[in-house]
Amino acid sequence: MAKTTITFEFEKQNKNSVRYKEIPKEGMPPILGSIYVQKWFAGDSKTIEVTIDKKN
């Protein structure tokens, strides 16, 4: 199992969601790229973190 935490920063706001852009780790390509989070959850957050747990 490999766990990794990815940091995202605010990119733009849509009608019902907020788009966040991944901040890749130094020298690494993005894992997810951009993600959309519903406004009711994202609120006014300028950064969010997502943890992925890869299972075999």
C-alpha atoms as a PDB file:
ATOM      1  CA  MET A   1       0.000   0.000   0.000  1.00  0.00           C
ATOM      2  CA  ALA A   2       1.216   3.485  -0.855  1.00  0.00           C
ATOM      3  CA  LYS A   3      -0.378   6.617   0.571  1.00  0.00           C
ATOM      4  CA  THR A   4       0.259  10.028  -0.894  1.00  0.00           C
ATOM      5  CA  THR A   5      -1.184  13.446  -0.113  1.00  0.00           C
ATOM      6  CA  ILE A   6      -1.705  15.873  -2.977  1.00  0.00           C
ATOM      7  CA  THR A   7      -2.082  19.626  -2.494  1.00  0.00           C
ATOM      8  CA  PHE A   8      -4.384  21.675  -4.715  1.00  0.00           C
ATOM      9  CA  GLU A   9      -4.780  25.445  -5.058  1.00  0.00           C
ATOM     10  CA  PHE A  10      -7.839  27.448  -6.099  1.00  0.00           C
ATOM     11  CA  GLU A  11      -8.123  27.890  -9.861  1.00  0.00           C
ATOM     12  CA  LYS A  12     -11.655  29.122 -10.600  1.00  0.00           C
ATOM     13  CA  GLN A  13     -15.220  29.088  -9.371  1.00  0.00           C
ATOM     14  CA  ASN A  14     -18.207  27.773 -11.330  1.00  0.00           C
ATOM     15  CA  LYS A  15     -21.928  27.921 -10.580  1.00  0.00           C
ATOM     16  CA  ASN A  16     -21.989  24.970  -8.146  1.00  0.00           C
ATOM     17  CA  SER A  17     -18.356  23.907  -7.857  1.00  0.00           C
ATOM     18  CA  VAL A  18     -14.802  25.129  -7.390  1.00  0.00           C
ATOM     19  CA  ARG A  19     -11.913  23.945  -9.563  1.00  0.00           C
ATOM     20  CA  TYR A  20      -8.570  23.308  -7.901  1.00  0.00           C
ATOM     21  CA  LYS A  21      -5.248  22.828  -9.691  1.00  0.00           C
ATOM     22  CA  GLU A  22      -2.712  20.312  -8.410  1.00  0.00           C
ATOM     23  CA  ILE A  23       0.624  21.580  -7.113  1.00  0.00           C
ATOM     24  CA  PRO A  24       2.975  18.757  -8.153  1.00  0.00           C
ATOM     25  CA  LYS A  25       5.942  17.788  -6.003  1.00  0.00           C
ATOM     26  CA  GLU A  26       9.347  18.989  -7.205  1.00  0.00           C
ATOM     27  CA  GLY A  27      10.476  17.057 -10.285  1.00  0.00           C
ATOM     28  CA  MET A  28       7.296  14.953 -10.487  1.00  0.00           C
ATOM     29  CA  PRO A  29       4.413  15.108 -12.991  1.00  0.00           C
ATOM     30  CA  PRO A  30       0.865  15.778 -11.710  1.00  0.00           C
ATOM     31  CA  ILE A  31      -1.049  12.748 -10.410  1.00  0.00           C
ATOM     32  CA  LEU A  32      -4.624  14.048 -10.779  1.00  0.00           C
ATOM     33  CA  GLY A  33      -4.274  17.440 -12.479  1.00  0.00           C
ATOM     34  CA  SER A  34      -7.398  19.472 -11.703  1.00  0.00           C
ATOM     35  CA  ILE A  35     -10.370  18.457  -9.585  1.00  0.00           C
ATOM     36  CA  TYR A  36     -13.819  19.905  -8.988  1.00  0.00           C
ATOM     37  CA  VAL A  37     -15.218  20.172  -5.455  1.00  0.00           C
ATOM     38  CA  GLN A  38     -18.794  21.168  -4.693  1.00  0.00           C
ATOM     39  CA  LYS A  39     -19.145  24.707  -3.274  1.00  0.00           C
ATOM     40  CA  TRP A  40     -21.047  23.549  -0.195  1.00  0.00           C
ATOM     41  CA  PHE A  41     -17.926  21.591   0.856  1.00  0.00           C
ATOM     42  CA  ALA A  42     -15.124  23.792  -0.509  1.00  0.00           C
ATOM     43  CA  GLY A  43     -16.434  27.027   0.999  1.00  0.00           C
ATOM     44  CA  ASP A  44     -13.780  29.762   0.740  1.00  0.00           C
ATOM     45  CA  SER A  45     -10.767  27.406   0.902  1.00  0.00           C
ATOM     46  CA  LYS A  46      -7.859  28.555  -1.254  1.00  0.00           C
ATOM     47  CA  THR A  47      -6.013  25.232  -0.842  1.00  0.00           C
ATOM     48  CA  ILE A  48      -7.145  21.673  -0.201  1.00  0.00           C
ATOM     49  CA  GLU A  49      -5.372  18.352   0.290  1.00  0.00           C
ATOM     50  CA  VAL A  50      -6.451  14.952  -0.996  1.00  0.00           C
ATOM     51  CA  THR A  51      -4.950  11.699   0.312  1.00  0.00           C
ATOM     52  CA  ILE A  52      -4.874   8.683  -1.982  1.00  0.00           C
ATOM     53  CA  ASP A  53      -4.309   5.209  -0.606  1.00  0.00           C
ATOM     54  CA  LYS A  54      -3.193   2.846  -3.382  1.00  0.00           C
ATOM     55  CA  LYS A  55      -4.102  -0.767  -2.606  1.00  0.00           C
ATOM     56  CA  ASN A  56      -2.792  -3.850  -4.361  1.00  0.00           C
END
